């Protein structure tokens, strides 16, 4: 039996951080064994909010591609694609946009939330509102059957499923209704306790050198209820304990006990975590640097990905036009 086709994408708005690794990249790498994976660096999506600095988006395509590969997501096991290399994404978006009402898009639960988060970017634009339609086209143009998502992304995937059903009902069965592959992972908070975000400056990046990792972790917020070193700690309310659980589970159990019984202070906990992060991230950082130093290799990966992607997407669009009777 052929492996099911899996599709997911990531926006090249800047370098990736450990939250991206925990929330997506390590799952993407492991899924390569079980699925036919299409991973897309979605630069058109990035322009939704970064339209004032498009050259930065172009630059970060290579940054993100190198970081994906450094984390084990390789062209030998997956199809790696730059979204703008495959114009069929936009062609299908145009067709699907006819099947989606403005009211439905405005009722999407993440719409107003993202408007607030990106308020400084001035994203009250057409492309931001239509983000879920382009996302649907990203998936359906490859006839993706499985999409790895977090629970907060389920509303967007449901729009994709709705559009697949509407197209099939109007023009005949063509698209599968993609199924969610729920990523049951802990989300890492930012070092200051807020959501991890480039705009907040509270993230540890995959590219950070050891001294920067140590500096960031040593300045991080920890257990606000622990006033003195001798006081019992509260790991579940500490900002750094989720890092142990997500990345170093073999250390987390012992650390919990040491913290709760006052054998480990917050400063020592930070030193331990910074050391573990340095050791863990250094191989990724070195692979990333090596890849970014060989631009021709990255261009080759994008060229190969585009050729395969356009072969699949072109077949989908020929079928779409045929079933619609366009030409």
Protein backbone atom coordinates (compact mmCIF):
# COMPACT_ATOMS: atom_id res chain seq x y z
CA UNK A 1 0.00 0.00 0.00
CA UNK A 2 1.33 3.42 -0.96
CA UNK A 3 2.13 5.78 1.90
CA UNK A 4 -0.41 8.51 2.50
CA UNK A 5 0.58 11.98 1.31
CA UNK A 6 1.29 14.47 4.09
CA UNK A 7 1.63 18.23 3.63
CA UNK A 8 2.66 21.01 5.98
CA UNK A 9 4.20 24.46 5.68
CA UNK A 10 6.25 26.99 7.60
CA UNK A 11 6.46 30.78 7.13
CA UNK A 12 9.93 32.25 6.46
CA UNK A 13 9.55 35.33 8.63
CA UNK A 14 12.89 34.83 10.39
CA UNK A 15 15.18 32.19 11.90
CA UNK A 16 13.54 29.33 13.75
CA UNK A 17 13.65 28.78 17.51
CA UNK A 18 13.40 25.85 19.91
CA UNK A 19 9.64 26.35 20.10
CA UNK A 20 9.44 25.65 16.36
CA UNK A 21 11.59 22.57 16.88
CA UNK A 22 9.41 21.18 19.67
CA UNK A 23 6.13 22.18 18.04
CA UNK A 24 6.82 21.02 14.49
CA UNK A 25 10.29 20.19 13.22
CA UNK A 26 11.05 17.07 15.22
CA UNK A 27 7.63 15.65 14.37
CA UNK A 28 8.16 16.46 10.70
CA UNK A 29 11.45 14.59 10.76
CA UNK A 30 9.92 11.50 12.37
CA UNK A 31 6.92 11.47 10.00
CA UNK A 32 9.20 10.98 6.99
CA UNK A 33 9.35 7.26 7.79
CA UNK A 34 5.59 6.74 7.48
CA UNK A 35 4.29 9.26 4.92
CA UNK A 36 5.05 10.77 1.54
CA UNK A 37 5.92 14.20 2.87
CA UNK A 38 5.61 17.57 1.13
CA UNK A 39 7.05 20.37 3.27
CA UNK A 40 6.59 23.89 1.92
CA UNK A 41 8.39 27.10 2.88
CA UNK A 42 5.37 29.35 2.41
CA UNK A 43 6.84 32.67 1.31
CA UNK A 44 3.54 33.95 -0.12
CA UNK A 45 1.99 33.44 3.31
CA UNK A 46 4.88 35.32 4.90
CA UNK A 47 4.25 38.31 2.64
CA UNK A 48 0.81 38.59 4.25
CA UNK A 49 2.48 40.29 7.23
CA UNK A 50 5.96 41.08 5.89
CA UNK A 51 4.93 42.86 2.68
CA UNK A 52 6.93 45.96 3.64
CA UNK A 53 10.19 43.97 3.71
CA UNK A 54 9.86 41.35 0.94
CA UNK A 55 13.62 40.99 0.46
CA UNK A 56 13.85 39.73 4.03
CA UNK A 57 11.29 37.03 3.24
CA UNK A 58 13.37 35.96 0.25
CA UNK A 59 16.48 35.73 2.43
CA UNK A 60 14.74 33.79 5.16
CA UNK A 61 13.57 31.14 2.69
CA UNK A 62 17.17 29.93 2.64
CA UNK A 63 17.55 30.29 6.41
CA UNK A 64 14.47 28.19 7.08
CA UNK A 65 15.36 25.61 4.43
CA UNK A 66 18.81 25.15 5.97
CA UNK A 67 17.29 24.81 9.44
CA UNK A 68 14.79 22.20 8.27
CA UNK A 69 17.60 20.18 6.76
CA UNK A 70 19.79 20.60 9.85
CA UNK A 71 16.95 19.09 11.89
CA UNK A 72 16.82 15.98 9.72
CA UNK A 73 14.12 16.96 7.20
CA UNK A 74 15.98 16.07 4.03
CA UNK A 75 15.35 16.09 0.27
CA UNK A 76 16.22 12.40 0.20
CA UNK A 77 13.14 11.63 2.33
CA UNK A 78 10.76 14.54 1.63
CA UNK A 79 9.85 17.03 -1.09
CA UNK A 80 11.08 20.44 0.06
CA UNK A 81 9.40 23.33 -1.73
CA UNK A 82 9.43 27.11 -1.93
CA UNK A 83 5.76 28.03 -2.32
CA UNK A 84 6.35 30.74 -4.92
CA UNK A 85 8.08 28.23 -7.21
CA UNK A 86 4.71 26.51 -7.71
CA UNK A 87 2.18 28.97 -9.24
CA UNK A 88 -0.51 26.29 -9.12
CA UNK A 89 -0.99 27.21 -5.44
CA UNK A 90 -2.36 30.61 -6.47
CA UNK A 91 -4.38 29.22 -9.36
CA UNK A 92 -6.19 26.82 -7.08
CA UNK A 93 -6.65 29.52 -4.44
CA UNK A 94 -8.50 31.63 -7.02
CA UNK A 95 -10.90 28.79 -7.76
CA UNK A 96 -11.44 27.86 -4.12
CA UNK A 97 -11.97 31.52 -3.20
CA UNK A 98 -15.19 31.46 -5.20
CA UNK A 99 -16.51 28.80 -2.84
CA UNK A 100 -15.75 30.61 0.42
CA UNK A 101 -17.86 33.41 1.89
CA UNK A 102 -16.39 36.46 3.60
CA UNK A 103 -18.51 35.78 6.66
CA UNK A 104 -17.06 32.31 7.08
CA UNK A 105 -13.53 33.68 6.96
CA UNK A 106 -14.32 36.43 9.45
CA UNK A 107 -15.78 33.87 11.85
CA UNK A 108 -12.61 31.75 11.84
CA UNK A 109 -11.59 31.66 15.54
CA UNK A 110 -7.95 32.49 14.83
CA UNK A 111 -8.69 35.53 12.66
CA UNK A 112 -9.23 38.14 15.39
CA UNK A 113 -6.58 36.56 17.60
CA UNK A 114 -3.95 36.90 14.87
CA UNK A 115 -5.12 40.43 14.09
CA UNK A 116 -4.25 41.35 17.67
CA UNK A 117 -0.91 39.52 17.63
CA UNK A 118 0.14 41.17 14.37
CA UNK A 119 -1.32 44.61 15.08
CA UNK A 120 2.04 46.30 14.49
CA UNK A 121 2.25 44.74 11.00
CA UNK A 122 -0.94 46.41 9.68
CA UNK A 123 -2.46 43.19 8.36
CA UNK A 124 -6.03 44.33 7.79
CA UNK A 125 -5.58 43.35 4.17
CA UNK A 126 -7.20 41.02 1.66
CA UNK A 127 -4.47 38.38 1.85
CA UNK A 128 -4.66 38.13 5.62
CA UNK A 129 -8.40 37.52 5.52
CA UNK A 130 -7.92 34.98 2.74
CA UNK A 131 -5.06 33.19 4.49
CA UNK A 132 -7.11 30.01 5.11
CA UNK A 133 -8.09 29.78 1.42
CA UNK A 134 -4.47 29.85 0.28
CA UNK A 135 -3.68 27.36 3.02
CA UNK A 136 -6.41 25.10 1.65
CA UNK A 137 -4.91 25.42 -1.82
CA UNK A 138 -1.47 24.54 -0.42
CA UNK A 139 -2.86 21.25 0.85
CA UNK A 140 -5.32 20.35 -1.89
CA UNK A 141 -3.03 21.13 -4.83
CA UNK A 142 -1.02 18.07 -3.71
CA UNK A 143 -4.19 16.22 -2.76
CA UNK A 144 -2.79 15.93 0.72
CA UNK A 145 -4.43 13.29 2.87
CA UNK A 146 -2.84 14.10 6.23
CA UNK A 147 -1.84 17.41 7.83
CA UNK A 148 0.08 17.60 11.13
CA UNK A 149 -1.52 20.33 13.23
CA UNK A 150 -1.88 21.55 16.75
CA UNK A 151 -5.37 21.87 18.20
CA UNK A 152 -5.31 25.64 17.66
CA UNK A 153 -4.94 25.08 13.91
CA UNK A 154 -7.95 22.77 13.54
CA UNK A 155 -10.30 25.63 12.49
CA UNK A 156 -8.07 26.38 9.48
CA UNK A 157 -7.94 22.72 8.50
CA UNK A 158 -11.72 22.50 8.77
CA UNK A 159 -11.98 25.28 6.18
CA UNK A 160 -9.82 23.15 3.89
CA UNK A 161 -12.10 20.19 4.43
CA UNK A 162 -15.18 22.34 3.74
CA UNK A 163 -13.69 23.58 0.48
CA UNK A 164 -12.82 20.05 -0.61
CA UNK A 165 -16.42 18.99 0.04
CA UNK A 166 -17.87 21.99 -1.81
CA UNK A 167 -15.65 21.44 -4.86
CA UNK A 168 -16.44 17.73 -4.95
CA UNK A 169 -20.18 18.37 -4.63
CA UNK A 170 -20.21 20.96 -7.42
CA UNK A 171 -17.79 19.47 -9.91
CA UNK A 172 -17.27 15.81 -9.03
CA UNK A 173 -15.02 13.95 -6.61
CA UNK A 174 -11.40 14.97 -6.85
CA UNK A 175 -10.04 16.08 -3.50
CA UNK A 176 -9.62 13.96 -0.37
CA UNK A 177 -10.75 15.57 2.88
CA UNK A 178 -7.39 15.87 4.66
CA UNK A 179 -7.30 14.37 8.12
CA UNK A 180 -5.58 16.11 11.04
CA UNK A 181 -2.60 14.42 12.60
CA UNK A 182 -2.74 16.03 16.00
CA UNK A 183 0.61 16.98 17.48
CA UNK A 184 0.26 16.33 21.18
CA UNK A 185 3.29 18.30 22.31
CA UNK A 186 3.90 20.81 25.03
CA UNK A 187 4.27 24.37 23.80
CA UNK A 188 7.36 26.08 25.10
CA UNK A 189 6.79 29.49 26.69
CA UNK A 190 9.10 32.35 25.93
CA UNK A 191 11.91 33.01 28.38
CA UNK A 192 9.87 35.85 29.89
CA UNK A 193 6.73 33.75 30.37
CA UNK A 194 4.87 35.14 27.38
CA UNK A 195 4.25 33.30 24.13
CA UNK A 196 7.56 32.54 22.42
CA UNK A 197 7.88 35.05 19.61
CA UNK A 198 10.54 36.79 17.54
CA UNK A 199 8.76 40.10 18.14
CA UNK A 200 9.07 39.68 21.93
CA UNK A 201 12.77 38.81 21.80
CA UNK A 202 12.18 35.93 24.22
CA UNK A 203 13.30 32.90 22.22
CA UNK A 204 16.34 30.65 22.01
CA UNK A 205 17.13 30.25 18.32
CA UNK A 206 18.55 27.22 16.56
CA UNK A 207 21.31 29.54 15.34
CA UNK A 208 22.29 30.91 18.77
CA UNK A 209 25.94 30.29 19.74
CA UNK A 210 26.65 28.77 23.18
CA UNK A 211 27.41 32.08 24.91
CA UNK A 212 24.12 33.57 23.69
CA UNK A 213 22.14 30.54 24.88
CA UNK A 214 23.70 30.81 28.32
CA UNK A 215 23.05 34.55 28.51
CA UNK A 216 19.40 34.15 27.56
CA UNK A 217 18.68 31.25 29.91
CA UNK A 218 20.42 32.88 32.87
CA UNK A 219 18.20 35.96 32.43
CA UNK A 220 14.98 33.92 32.12
CA UNK A 221 11.97 34.11 34.41
CA UNK A 222 11.64 31.05 36.67
CA UNK A 223 9.45 30.25 39.69
CA UNK A 224 7.86 33.51 40.82
CA UNK A 225 6.49 31.84 43.99
CA UNK A 226 9.93 30.85 45.23
CA UNK A 227 11.26 33.78 47.21
CA UNK A 228 14.33 32.12 48.78
CA UNK A 229 16.76 29.35 47.81
CA UNK A 230 15.57 27.21 50.75
CA UNK A 231 11.88 27.44 49.74
CA UNK A 232 10.26 24.45 47.98
CA UNK A 233 9.96 24.98 44.24
CA UNK A 234 6.92 24.65 42.00
CA UNK A 235 8.08 23.01 38.75
CA UNK A 236 4.66 23.12 37.09
CA UNK A 237 4.56 26.89 37.55
CA UNK A 238 8.18 27.48 36.56
CA UNK A 239 8.80 28.99 33.16
CA UNK A 240 11.75 26.71 32.40
CA UNK A 241 10.42 23.31 33.48
CA UNK A 242 8.53 22.83 30.16
CA UNK A 243 11.92 22.92 28.40
CA UNK A 244 13.08 19.96 30.47
CA UNK A 245 9.87 18.02 29.83
CA UNK A 246 9.89 18.66 26.09
CA UNK A 247 13.59 18.28 25.32
CA UNK A 248 15.21 16.42 28.20
CA UNK A 249 12.56 14.12 29.71
CA UNK A 250 15.19 11.81 31.19
CA UNK A 251 16.33 14.74 33.35
CA UNK A 252 12.91 16.17 34.14
CA UNK A 253 11.78 13.63 36.76
CA UNK A 254 14.89 13.99 38.91
CA UNK A 255 14.84 17.74 38.52
CA UNK A 256 11.23 17.90 39.71
CA UNK A 257 12.12 16.12 42.90
CA UNK A 258 15.24 18.22 43.52
CA UNK A 259 13.27 21.42 42.95
CA UNK A 260 10.29 20.52 45.11
CA UNK A 261 12.55 19.42 47.97
CA UNK A 262 14.79 22.51 47.75
CA UNK A 263 17.90 20.58 46.73
CA UNK A 264 18.21 22.63 43.54
CA UNK A 265 18.00 26.40 43.33
CA UNK A 266 16.79 28.41 40.34
CA UNK A 267 20.29 29.62 39.43
CA UNK A 268 21.62 26.05 39.38
CA UNK A 269 18.56 24.98 37.38
CA UNK A 270 19.31 27.66 34.79
CA UNK A 271 22.94 26.59 34.57
CA UNK A 272 21.91 22.99 34.06
CA UNK A 273 19.36 23.87 31.38
CA UNK A 274 21.73 26.17 29.50
CA UNK A 275 24.35 23.42 29.41
CA UNK A 276 21.86 20.89 28.08
CA UNK A 277 20.58 23.31 25.44
CA UNK A 278 24.10 24.14 24.27
CA UNK A 279 24.95 20.45 23.90
CA UNK A 280 21.67 19.71 22.12
CA UNK A 281 21.64 22.66 19.71
CA UNK A 282 25.31 22.80 18.76
CA UNK A 283 25.13 20.01 16.10
CA UNK A 284 22.07 21.67 14.55
CA UNK A 285 23.79 25.06 14.53
CA UNK A 286 26.89 23.66 12.84
CA UNK A 287 24.87 21.84 10.17
CA UNK A 288 22.86 25.00 9.58
CA UNK A 289 26.00 27.09 9.09
CA UNK A 290 27.49 24.55 6.69
CA UNK A 291 24.32 24.49 4.60
CA UNK A 292 24.00 28.27 4.47
CA UNK A 293 27.60 28.51 3.28
CA UNK A 294 26.70 26.41 0.22
CA UNK A 295 23.96 28.41 -1.50
CA UNK A 296 24.24 26.30 -4.66
CA UNK A 297 23.26 23.20 -2.68
CA UNK A 298 20.16 24.93 -1.32
CA UNK A 299 19.24 26.15 -4.80
CA UNK A 300 19.57 22.59 -6.06
CA UNK A 301 17.23 21.35 -3.32
CA UNK A 302 14.66 24.02 -4.23
CA UNK A 303 14.96 23.23 -7.95
CA UNK A 304 14.42 19.51 -7.38
CA UNK A 305 11.52 20.21 -5.02
CA UNK A 306 9.88 22.57 -7.49
CA UNK A 307 10.12 20.05 -10.33
CA UNK A 308 8.44 17.31 -8.33
CA UNK A 309 5.90 19.68 -6.80
CA UNK A 310 4.90 21.16 -10.16
CA UNK A 311 4.51 17.69 -11.64
CA UNK A 312 2.02 16.79 -8.90
CA UNK A 313 0.32 20.21 -8.71
CA UNK A 314 0.09 20.48 -12.50
CA UNK A 315 -1.71 17.14 -12.64
CA UNK A 316 -4.14 18.34 -9.99
CA UNK A 317 -4.89 21.55 -11.88
CA UNK A 318 -5.46 19.71 -15.17
CA UNK A 319 -7.99 17.56 -13.35
CA UNK A 320 -9.58 20.65 -11.75
CA UNK A 321 -10.01 22.41 -15.09
CA UNK A 322 -11.31 19.26 -16.71
CA UNK A 323 -13.95 18.62 -14.09
CA UNK A 324 -15.04 22.26 -14.14
CA UNK A 325 -15.17 22.26 -17.95
CA UNK A 326 -12.96 25.34 -18.16
CA UNK A 327 -10.51 24.22 -20.88
